[in-house]
Amino acid sequence: MTLKVIFDPETGKLLGAQGVGGAGVDKRIDVLAVAIQAGMTVFDLEEMELCYAPQFGSAKDPVNMAGFVAGGLMRGDHPQSDWEAVSAMTDKPLLLDVRTPAEFAGGHIPEAVNIPVDELRERLAELPKDRPVVTYCQVGQRGYLATRILMQAGFTVSNLGGGYKTYLLHQPRGVRV
């Protein structure tokens, strides 16, 4: 299941939502539609109490998770950059691919440095503190973890939204580095 929420970047008020997936996606869109109608914010989604039974769903519903991601972005807990902004930067950031060496060998953003997220804490000295860092993985989860590690270590960092898969969508057909 993939959920997308659109919200006001100043207030966090929900403005729209989309969902794609199998069983249960309709329930989540119904919940988000009511939240939009009620004027709720992404912060309300974080705290929303939804039905939970181990055999039917997780303790934190995908609607809660969408709220956590959006709320974290608004609070600055995990800065995110989009590929258009990164590629337009005149002072190029260090692109840090935190996937495995095998994934990196299968394709990566040109000029990226590969340090797997599981090795990052031990290899911080290899990264420059005087240059912004943009982390990425396949779609975002490991990039998020790397961003949090680097923030706590004092780096200027953001995570590439959508990761390597989103980067590929912005390349001419058939181009894979």
N, C-alpha and C. Protein backbone atom coordinates (compact mmCIF):
# COMPACT_ATOMS: atom_id res chain seq x y z
N MET A 1 0.84 -1.18 0.00
CA MET A 1 0.00 0.00 0.00
C MET A 1 0.89 1.24 0.00
N THR A 2 0.52 2.19 -0.82
CA THR A 2 1.22 3.46 -0.85
C THR A 2 0.20 4.57 -0.62
N LEU A 3 0.47 5.42 0.37
CA LEU A 3 -0.39 6.56 0.65
C LEU A 3 0.37 7.84 0.41
N LYS A 4 -0.32 8.82 -0.13
CA LYS A 4 0.25 10.14 -0.33
C LYS A 4 -0.72 11.14 0.30
N VAL A 5 -0.19 12.00 1.17
CA VAL A 5 -1.01 13.06 1.74
C VAL A 5 -0.47 14.40 1.28
N ILE A 6 -1.36 15.29 0.97
CA ILE A 6 -1.00 16.65 0.58
C ILE A 6 -1.46 17.55 1.71
N PHE A 7 -0.54 18.42 2.16
CA PHE A 7 -0.86 19.24 3.32
C PHE A 7 -0.25 20.62 3.17
N ASP A 8 -0.82 21.57 3.89
CA ASP A 8 -0.31 22.94 3.91
C ASP A 8 1.03 22.93 4.64
N PRO A 9 2.11 23.40 4.00
CA PRO A 9 3.42 23.35 4.66
C PRO A 9 3.56 24.29 5.84
N GLU A 10 2.67 25.25 5.97
CA GLU A 10 2.71 26.18 7.11
C GLU A 10 1.97 25.64 8.33
N THR A 11 0.80 25.04 8.09
CA THR A 11 -0.07 24.63 9.20
C THR A 11 -0.18 23.12 9.37
N GLY A 12 0.13 22.37 8.34
CA GLY A 12 -0.04 20.93 8.39
C GLY A 12 -1.45 20.48 8.08
N LYS A 13 -2.34 21.42 7.74
CA LYS A 13 -3.72 21.05 7.44
C LYS A 13 -3.76 20.14 6.21
N LEU A 14 -4.52 19.06 6.34
CA LEU A 14 -4.67 18.12 5.22
C LEU A 14 -5.46 18.76 4.09
N LEU A 15 -4.95 18.60 2.88
CA LEU A 15 -5.60 19.17 1.70
C LEU A 15 -6.06 18.11 0.71
N GLY A 16 -5.40 16.95 0.73
CA GLY A 16 -5.76 15.89 -0.20
C GLY A 16 -5.02 14.62 0.15
N ALA A 17 -5.42 13.52 -0.52
CA ALA A 17 -4.77 12.23 -0.28
C ALA A 17 -5.00 11.33 -1.48
N GLN A 18 -4.06 10.41 -1.67
CA GLN A 18 -4.18 9.38 -2.69
C GLN A 18 -3.72 8.07 -2.07
N GLY A 19 -4.26 6.97 -2.56
CA GLY A 19 -3.84 5.67 -2.08
C GLY A 19 -3.86 4.65 -3.19
N VAL A 20 -2.86 3.79 -3.20
CA VAL A 20 -2.78 2.72 -4.18
C VAL A 20 -2.41 1.46 -3.44
N GLY A 21 -3.05 0.36 -3.76
CA GLY A 21 -2.70 -0.89 -3.12
C GLY A 21 -3.85 -1.86 -3.12
N GLY A 22 -3.69 -2.90 -2.34
CA GLY A 22 -4.68 -3.96 -2.27
C GLY A 22 -5.65 -3.78 -1.13
N ALA A 23 -5.87 -4.87 -0.42
CA ALA A 23 -6.85 -4.89 0.66
C ALA A 23 -6.58 -3.80 1.69
N GLY A 24 -7.62 -3.06 2.02
CA GLY A 24 -7.53 -2.05 3.06
C GLY A 24 -7.24 -0.64 2.61
N VAL A 25 -6.85 -0.46 1.34
CA VAL A 25 -6.54 0.89 0.89
C VAL A 25 -7.80 1.76 0.89
N ASP A 26 -8.94 1.15 0.61
CA ASP A 26 -10.21 1.90 0.60
C ASP A 26 -10.53 2.42 2.00
N LYS A 27 -10.25 1.61 3.04
CA LYS A 27 -10.48 2.05 4.42
C LYS A 27 -9.63 3.28 4.74
N ARG A 28 -8.37 3.24 4.31
CA ARG A 28 -7.47 4.36 4.61
C ARG A 28 -7.91 5.63 3.90
N ILE A 29 -8.36 5.51 2.67
CA ILE A 29 -8.84 6.69 1.94
C ILE A 29 -10.11 7.23 2.60
N ASP A 30 -10.98 6.34 3.07
CA ASP A 30 -12.17 6.80 3.80
C ASP A 30 -11.76 7.59 5.05
N VAL A 31 -10.80 7.08 5.81
CA VAL A 31 -10.33 7.76 7.02
C VAL A 31 -9.74 9.13 6.64
N LEU A 32 -8.91 9.16 5.61
CA LEU A 32 -8.28 10.42 5.19
C LEU A 32 -9.32 11.41 4.66
N ALA A 33 -10.35 10.92 3.96
CA ALA A 33 -11.41 11.81 3.46
C ALA A 33 -12.14 12.48 4.62
N VAL A 34 -12.44 11.72 5.67
CA VAL A 34 -13.10 12.30 6.84
C VAL A 34 -12.16 13.28 7.54
N ALA A 35 -10.88 12.94 7.63
CA ALA A 35 -9.91 13.85 8.26
C ALA A 35 -9.82 15.17 7.50
N ILE A 36 -9.84 15.10 6.18
CA ILE A 36 -9.81 16.32 5.36
C ILE A 36 -11.08 17.14 5.61
N GLN A 37 -12.22 16.47 5.58
CA GLN A 37 -13.49 17.16 5.80
C GLN A 37 -13.55 17.80 7.18
N ALA A 38 -12.93 17.17 8.16
CA ALA A 38 -12.95 17.69 9.53
C ALA A 38 -11.89 18.77 9.76
N GLY A 39 -11.07 19.05 8.74
CA GLY A 39 -10.05 20.10 8.89
C GLY A 39 -8.86 19.66 9.74
N MET A 40 -8.60 18.39 9.78
CA MET A 40 -7.50 17.86 10.60
C MET A 40 -6.13 18.16 9.98
N THR A 41 -5.10 17.97 10.78
CA THR A 41 -3.72 18.21 10.34
C THR A 41 -2.95 16.90 10.32
N VAL A 42 -1.73 16.96 9.79
CA VAL A 42 -0.87 15.78 9.80
C VAL A 42 -0.54 15.37 11.23
N PHE A 43 -0.51 16.33 12.15
CA PHE A 43 -0.25 16.02 13.55
C PHE A 43 -1.40 15.23 14.16
N ASP A 44 -2.62 15.50 13.70
CA ASP A 44 -3.77 14.71 14.14
C ASP A 44 -3.65 13.26 13.64
N LEU A 45 -3.12 13.07 12.43
CA LEU A 45 -2.95 11.71 11.90
C LEU A 45 -1.98 10.90 12.76
N GLU A 46 -0.94 11.56 13.27
CA GLU A 46 0.03 10.87 14.12
C GLU A 46 -0.64 10.26 15.35
N GLU A 47 -1.61 10.96 15.90
CA GLU A 47 -2.24 10.56 17.16
C GLU A 47 -3.58 9.85 16.97
N MET A 48 -4.03 9.69 15.75
CA MET A 48 -5.34 9.11 15.47
C MET A 48 -5.43 7.67 15.97
N GLU A 49 -6.50 7.37 16.69
CA GLU A 49 -6.75 6.01 17.18
C GLU A 49 -7.60 5.28 16.15
N LEU A 50 -7.03 4.23 15.58
CA LEU A 50 -7.73 3.43 14.58
C LEU A 50 -7.82 1.99 15.07
N CYS A 51 -8.73 1.24 14.49
CA CYS A 51 -8.95 -0.15 14.89
C CYS A 51 -7.65 -0.93 14.83
N TYR A 52 -7.39 -1.69 15.90
CA TYR A 52 -6.20 -2.52 15.94
C TYR A 52 -6.54 -3.90 16.48
N ALA A 53 -6.19 -4.90 15.73
CA ALA A 53 -6.25 -6.29 16.17
C ALA A 53 -5.12 -6.99 15.42
N PRO A 54 -4.26 -7.71 16.14
CA PRO A 54 -3.07 -8.28 15.48
C PRO A 54 -3.36 -9.07 14.21
N GLN A 55 -4.46 -9.77 14.17
CA GLN A 55 -4.75 -10.56 12.98
C GLN A 55 -5.23 -9.71 11.79
N PHE A 56 -5.55 -8.43 12.03
CA PHE A 56 -6.06 -7.57 10.96
C PHE A 56 -5.16 -6.40 10.60
N GLY A 57 -4.30 -5.99 11.49
CA GLY A 57 -3.48 -4.83 11.17
C GLY A 57 -2.41 -4.57 12.22
N SER A 58 -1.56 -3.63 11.90
CA SER A 58 -0.46 -3.29 12.81
C SER A 58 -0.91 -2.26 13.85
N ALA A 59 -0.11 -2.14 14.89
CA ALA A 59 -0.42 -1.20 15.96
C ALA A 59 -0.44 0.23 15.44
N LYS A 60 0.45 0.54 14.52
CA LYS A 60 0.45 1.86 13.88
C LYS A 60 0.00 1.68 12.44
N ASP A 61 -1.17 2.20 12.16
CA ASP A 61 -1.80 2.09 10.85
C ASP A 61 -1.03 2.90 9.81
N PRO A 62 -1.13 2.56 8.54
CA PRO A 62 -0.51 3.38 7.49
C PRO A 62 -0.94 4.85 7.53
N VAL A 63 -2.15 5.13 8.01
CA VAL A 63 -2.58 6.53 8.15
C VAL A 63 -1.73 7.22 9.21
N ASN A 64 -1.46 6.54 10.34
CA ASN A 64 -0.58 7.09 11.36
C ASN A 64 0.81 7.32 10.79
N MET A 65 1.31 6.34 10.03
CA MET A 65 2.66 6.45 9.47
C MET A 65 2.77 7.64 8.51
N ALA A 66 1.74 7.88 7.71
CA ALA A 66 1.74 9.06 6.82
C ALA A 66 1.82 10.33 7.66
N GLY A 67 1.10 10.36 8.78
CA GLY A 67 1.17 11.50 9.68
C GLY A 67 2.54 11.67 10.30
N PHE A 68 3.19 10.56 10.69
CA PHE A 68 4.54 10.64 11.26
C PHE A 68 5.53 11.22 10.27
N VAL A 69 5.46 10.77 9.02
CA VAL A 69 6.39 11.26 8.00
C VAL A 69 6.15 12.75 7.75
N ALA A 70 4.90 13.12 7.52
CA ALA A 70 4.58 14.53 7.24
C ALA A 70 4.89 15.42 8.44
N GLY A 71 4.53 14.97 9.64
CA GLY A 71 4.82 15.75 10.84
C GLY A 71 6.31 15.92 11.05
N GLY A 72 7.07 14.86 10.82
CA GLY A 72 8.52 14.92 10.95
C GLY A 72 9.14 15.89 9.96
N LEU A 73 8.60 15.92 8.74
CA LEU A 73 9.08 16.90 7.75
C LEU A 73 8.82 18.32 8.22
N MET A 74 7.63 18.54 8.76
CA MET A 74 7.29 19.89 9.22
C MET A 74 8.13 20.33 10.42
N ARG A 75 8.44 19.41 11.30
CA ARG A 75 9.24 19.73 12.49
C ARG A 75 10.74 19.83 12.17
N GLY A 76 11.14 19.38 10.98
CA GLY A 76 12.55 19.37 10.63
C GLY A 76 13.29 18.17 11.20
N ASP A 77 12.55 17.14 11.61
CA ASP A 77 13.17 15.94 12.17
C ASP A 77 13.98 15.18 11.14
N HIS A 78 13.58 15.28 9.89
CA HIS A 78 14.28 14.59 8.80
C HIS A 78 14.12 15.40 7.52
N PRO A 79 15.02 16.36 7.31
CA PRO A 79 14.93 17.20 6.12
C PRO A 79 14.95 16.35 4.84
N GLN A 80 14.19 16.79 3.87
CA GLN A 80 14.08 16.06 2.61
C GLN A 80 14.29 17.02 1.45
N SER A 81 14.93 16.53 0.40
CA SER A 81 15.13 17.30 -0.83
C SER A 81 14.53 16.53 -1.98
N ASP A 82 14.06 17.24 -3.00
CA ASP A 82 13.60 16.56 -4.20
C ASP A 82 14.70 16.64 -5.26
N TRP A 83 14.64 15.72 -6.23
CA TRP A 83 15.70 15.62 -7.22
C TRP A 83 15.85 16.92 -8.02
N GLU A 84 14.76 17.59 -8.34
CA GLU A 84 14.86 18.84 -9.12
C GLU A 84 15.70 19.87 -8.37
N ALA A 85 15.49 20.00 -7.07
CA ALA A 85 16.24 20.97 -6.27
C ALA A 85 17.71 20.56 -6.16
N VAL A 86 17.96 19.29 -5.94
CA VAL A 86 19.34 18.80 -5.81
C VAL A 86 20.11 19.01 -7.10
N SER A 87 19.51 18.65 -8.22
CA SER A 87 20.21 18.77 -9.51
C SER A 87 20.42 20.22 -9.92
N ALA A 88 19.62 21.15 -9.38
CA ALA A 88 19.76 22.57 -9.71
C ALA A 88 20.74 23.31 -8.81
N MET A 89 21.22 22.68 -7.74
CA MET A 89 22.12 23.34 -6.79
C MET A 89 23.43 23.72 -7.48
N THR A 90 23.86 24.97 -7.30
CA THR A 90 25.14 25.40 -7.87
C THR A 90 26.31 24.85 -7.06
N ASP A 91 26.19 24.85 -5.73
CA ASP A 91 27.19 24.21 -4.88
C ASP A 91 26.72 22.78 -4.67
N LYS A 92 27.29 21.88 -5.44
CA LYS A 92 26.82 20.49 -5.44
C LYS A 92 27.07 19.83 -4.08
N PRO A 93 26.03 19.19 -3.54
CA PRO A 93 26.19 18.46 -2.28
C PRO A 93 26.91 17.13 -2.53
N LEU A 94 27.39 16.53 -1.46
CA LEU A 94 27.91 15.17 -1.55
C LEU A 94 26.70 14.25 -1.61
N LEU A 95 26.61 13.44 -2.64
CA LEU A 95 25.54 12.46 -2.76
C LEU A 95 26.01 11.17 -2.09
N LEU A 96 25.30 10.76 -1.06
CA LEU A 96 25.69 9.59 -0.28
C LEU A 96 24.67 8.48 -0.47
N ASP A 97 25.08 7.44 -1.19
CA ASP A 97 24.25 6.27 -1.43
C ASP A 97 24.46 5.32 -0.26
N VAL A 98 23.40 5.05 0.49
CA VAL A 98 23.53 4.22 1.69
C VAL A 98 23.00 2.80 1.48
N ARG A 99 22.87 2.41 0.23
CA ARG A 99 22.46 1.04 -0.09
C ARG A 99 23.67 0.10 0.02
N THR A 100 23.45 -1.16 -0.20
CA THR A 100 24.53 -2.14 -0.17
C THR A 100 25.45 -1.96 -1.37
N PRO A 101 26.69 -2.45 -1.29
CA PRO A 101 27.58 -2.37 -2.45
C PRO A 101 27.00 -3.04 -3.70
N ALA A 102 26.28 -4.13 -3.54
CA ALA A 102 25.66 -4.80 -4.69
C ALA A 102 24.60 -3.92 -5.34
N GLU A 103 23.78 -3.25 -4.53
CA GLU A 103 22.78 -2.33 -5.09
C GLU A 103 23.47 -1.17 -5.80
N PHE A 104 24.51 -0.63 -5.19
CA PHE A 104 25.26 0.47 -5.77
C PHE A 104 25.85 0.06 -7.11
N ALA A 105 26.42 -1.14 -7.18
CA ALA A 105 27.01 -1.65 -8.43
C ALA A 105 25.95 -1.83 -9.51
N GLY A 106 24.71 -2.08 -9.11
CA GLY A 106 23.62 -2.25 -10.06
C GLY A 106 23.10 -0.95 -10.64
N GLY A 107 23.59 0.18 -10.18
CA GLY A 107 23.17 1.49 -10.66
C GLY A 107 23.14 2.49 -9.53
N HIS A 108 23.63 3.70 -9.82
CA HIS A 108 23.66 4.75 -8.80
C HIS A 108 23.70 6.12 -9.48
N ILE A 109 23.49 7.15 -8.70
CA ILE A 109 23.57 8.52 -9.20
C ILE A 109 25.04 8.84 -9.45
N PRO A 110 25.38 9.41 -10.62
CA PRO A 110 26.79 9.73 -10.90
C PRO A 110 27.42 10.57 -9.78
N GLU A 111 28.66 10.28 -9.49
CA GLU A 111 29.48 10.96 -8.48
C GLU A 111 29.08 10.66 -7.04
N ALA A 112 28.13 9.74 -6.86
CA ALA A 112 27.73 9.36 -5.50
C ALA A 112 28.82 8.53 -4.84
N VAL A 113 28.88 8.65 -3.51
CA VAL A 113 29.77 7.86 -2.68
C VAL A 113 28.91 6.80 -2.00
N ASN A 114 29.41 5.58 -1.91
CA ASN A 114 28.64 4.50 -1.31
C ASN A 114 29.19 4.16 0.08
N ILE A 115 28.38 4.40 1.10
CA ILE A 115 28.65 3.92 2.45
C ILE A 115 27.33 3.32 2.95
N PRO A 116 27.23 2.01 3.04
CA PRO A 116 25.98 1.40 3.50
C PRO A 116 25.57 1.92 4.87
N VAL A 117 24.29 2.07 5.08
CA VAL A 117 23.79 2.65 6.33
C VAL A 117 24.28 1.87 7.55
N ASP A 118 24.44 0.56 7.41
CA ASP A 118 24.90 -0.25 8.54
C ASP A 118 26.35 0.04 8.92
N GLU A 119 27.11 0.69 8.05
CA GLU A 119 28.51 1.03 8.32
C GLU A 119 28.70 2.52 8.61
N LEU A 120 27.65 3.29 8.49
CA LEU A 120 27.76 4.75 8.51
C LEU A 120 28.38 5.30 9.80
N ARG A 121 27.92 4.85 10.93
CA ARG A 121 28.44 5.39 12.21
C ARG A 121 29.96 5.20 12.33
N GLU A 122 30.46 4.08 11.85
CA GLU A 122 31.90 3.80 11.93
C GLU A 122 32.70 4.56 10.87
N ARG A 123 32.04 5.10 9.86
CA ARG A 123 32.76 5.72 8.75
C ARG A 123 32.48 7.22 8.61
N LEU A 124 31.97 7.84 9.65
CA LEU A 124 31.64 9.28 9.61
C LEU A 124 32.84 10.15 9.23
N ALA A 125 34.03 9.75 9.61
CA ALA A 125 35.23 10.54 9.34
C ALA A 125 35.52 10.65 7.84
N GLU A 126 34.92 9.80 7.04
CA GLU A 126 35.12 9.83 5.58
C GLU A 126 34.29 10.93 4.91
N LEU A 127 33.39 11.55 5.65
CA LEU A 127 32.48 12.54 5.08
C LEU A 127 32.90 13.95 5.47
N PRO A 128 32.76 14.90 4.53
CA PRO A 128 33.12 16.29 4.84
C PRO A 128 32.04 16.99 5.66
N LYS A 129 32.45 17.71 6.68
CA LYS A 129 31.49 18.47 7.49
C LYS A 129 31.22 19.85 6.89
N ASP A 130 32.05 20.28 5.93
CA ASP A 130 31.92 21.62 5.35
C ASP A 130 31.13 21.63 4.04
N ARG A 131 30.45 20.55 3.74
CA ARG A 131 29.68 20.42 2.49
C ARG A 131 28.37 19.74 2.80
N PRO A 132 27.26 20.23 2.25
CA PRO A 132 25.98 19.56 2.48
C PRO A 132 26.01 18.12 1.95
N VAL A 133 25.29 17.24 2.61
CA VAL A 133 25.18 15.85 2.21
C VAL A 133 23.73 15.55 1.88
N VAL A 134 23.50 14.86 0.77
CA VAL A 134 22.16 14.37 0.42
C VAL A 134 22.26 12.85 0.40
N THR A 135 21.54 12.21 1.32
CA THR A 135 21.53 10.75 1.40
C THR A 135 20.44 10.20 0.49
N TYR A 136 20.66 8.97 0.03
CA TYR A 136 19.59 8.29 -0.69
C TYR A 136 19.80 6.78 -0.61
N CYS A 137 18.70 6.07 -0.77
CA CYS A 137 18.72 4.62 -0.86
C CYS A 137 17.81 4.25 -2.03
N GLN A 138 17.15 3.12 -1.97
CA GLN A 138 16.30 2.73 -3.09
C GLN A 138 15.03 3.59 -3.14
N VAL A 139 14.34 3.73 -2.01
CA VAL A 139 13.11 4.54 -2.00
C VAL A 139 13.01 5.52 -0.84
N GLY A 140 13.79 5.37 0.22
CA GLY A 140 13.75 6.38 1.26
C GLY A 140 13.99 5.96 2.69
N GLN A 141 13.69 4.72 3.08
CA GLN A 141 13.78 4.32 4.48
C GLN A 141 15.20 4.36 5.01
N ARG A 142 16.14 3.74 4.30
CA ARG A 142 17.53 3.76 4.76
C ARG A 142 18.13 5.16 4.65
N GLY A 143 17.70 5.92 3.64
CA GLY A 143 18.13 7.31 3.53
C GLY A 143 17.66 8.13 4.72
N TYR A 144 16.45 7.86 5.17
CA TYR A 144 15.91 8.52 6.37
C TYR A 144 16.79 8.20 7.58
N LEU A 145 17.11 6.91 7.77
CA LEU A 145 17.95 6.52 8.91
C LEU A 145 19.32 7.18 8.83
N ALA A 146 19.90 7.21 7.64
CA ALA A 146 21.21 7.86 7.47
C ALA A 146 21.12 9.35 7.75
N THR A 147 20.05 9.98 7.34
CA THR A 147 19.86 11.41 7.60
C THR A 147 19.83 11.67 9.10
N ARG A 148 19.11 10.85 9.84
CA ARG A 148 19.03 11.01 11.29
C ARG A 148 20.41 10.81 11.94
N ILE A 149 21.15 9.81 11.49
CA ILE A 149 22.50 9.56 12.03
C ILE A 149 23.40 10.77 11.78
N LEU A 150 23.37 11.28 10.56
CA LEU A 150 24.24 12.41 10.19
C LEU A 150 23.81 13.70 10.90
N MET A 151 22.53 13.91 11.05
CA MET A 151 22.06 15.09 11.79
C MET A 151 22.60 15.06 13.22
N GLN A 152 22.50 13.91 13.86
CA GLN A 152 22.96 13.77 15.24
C GLN A 152 24.47 13.95 15.36
N ALA A 153 25.19 13.73 14.25
CA ALA A 153 26.65 13.89 14.24
C ALA A 153 27.07 15.29 13.79
N GLY A 154 26.09 16.18 13.56
CA GLY A 154 26.40 17.57 13.23
C GLY A 154 26.56 17.90 11.76
N PHE A 155 26.15 17.01 10.87
CA PHE A 155 26.24 17.28 9.45
C PHE A 155 25.03 18.09 8.96
N THR A 156 25.22 18.85 7.89
CA THR A 156 24.12 19.48 7.17
C THR A 156 23.66 18.45 6.15
N VAL A 157 22.45 17.94 6.31
CA VAL A 157 22.04 16.78 5.54
C VAL A 157 20.56 16.81 5.22
N SER A 158 20.19 16.18 4.11
CA SER A 158 18.79 15.93 3.78
C SER A 158 18.71 14.60 3.05
N ASN A 159 17.54 14.04 3.00
CA ASN A 159 17.29 12.76 2.34
C ASN A 159 16.63 13.04 0.99
N LEU A 160 17.07 12.34 -0.05
CA LEU A 160 16.47 12.49 -1.37
C LEU A 160 15.12 11.81 -1.37
N GLY A 161 14.05 12.59 -1.49
CA GLY A 161 12.69 12.04 -1.50
C GLY A 161 12.50 11.04 -2.63
N GLY A 162 12.05 9.85 -2.29
CA GLY A 162 11.81 8.82 -3.29
C GLY A 162 13.04 8.04 -3.69
N GLY A 163 14.23 8.47 -3.22
CA GLY A 163 15.46 7.72 -3.44
C GLY A 163 15.86 7.53 -4.89
N TYR A 164 16.60 6.46 -5.11
CA TYR A 164 17.14 6.16 -6.44
C TYR A 164 16.03 5.92 -7.46
N LYS A 165 14.93 5.32 -7.02
CA LYS A 165 13.82 5.07 -7.95
C LYS A 165 13.27 6.38 -8.51
N THR A 166 13.16 7.39 -7.68
CA THR A 166 12.67 8.69 -8.16
C THR A 166 13.70 9.35 -9.07
N TYR A 167 14.98 9.23 -8.72
CA TYR A 167 16.04 9.75 -9.59
C TYR A 167 15.90 9.14 -10.99
N LEU A 168 15.70 7.82 -11.07
CA LEU A 168 15.57 7.15 -12.37
C LEU A 168 14.40 7.69 -13.19
N LEU A 169 13.33 8.07 -12.52
CA LEU A 169 12.16 8.61 -13.23
C LEU A 169 12.49 9.93 -13.94
N HIS A 170 13.51 10.63 -13.48
CA HIS A 170 13.89 11.92 -14.05
C HIS A 170 14.96 11.79 -15.13
N GLN A 171 15.36 10.57 -15.45
CA GLN A 171 16.40 10.37 -16.45
C GLN A 171 15.75 9.97 -17.78
N PRO A 172 16.43 10.27 -18.91
CA PRO A 172 15.90 9.83 -20.20
C PRO A 172 15.74 8.31 -20.21
N ARG A 173 14.75 7.83 -20.94
CA ARG A 173 14.50 6.39 -21.01
C ARG A 173 15.76 5.61 -21.38
N GLY A 174 15.97 4.51 -20.68
CA GLY A 174 17.10 3.64 -21.01
C GLY A 174 18.40 4.04 -20.37
N VAL A 175 18.49 5.23 -19.76
CA VAL A 175 19.74 5.67 -19.15
C VAL A 175 19.80 5.12 -17.73
N ARG A 176 20.83 4.39 -17.44
CA ARG A 176 21.01 3.84 -16.09
C ARG A 176 22.50 3.87 -15.78
N VAL A 177 22.88 4.59 -14.76
CA VAL A 177 24.29 4.70 -14.39
C VAL A 177 24.57 3.77 -13.24
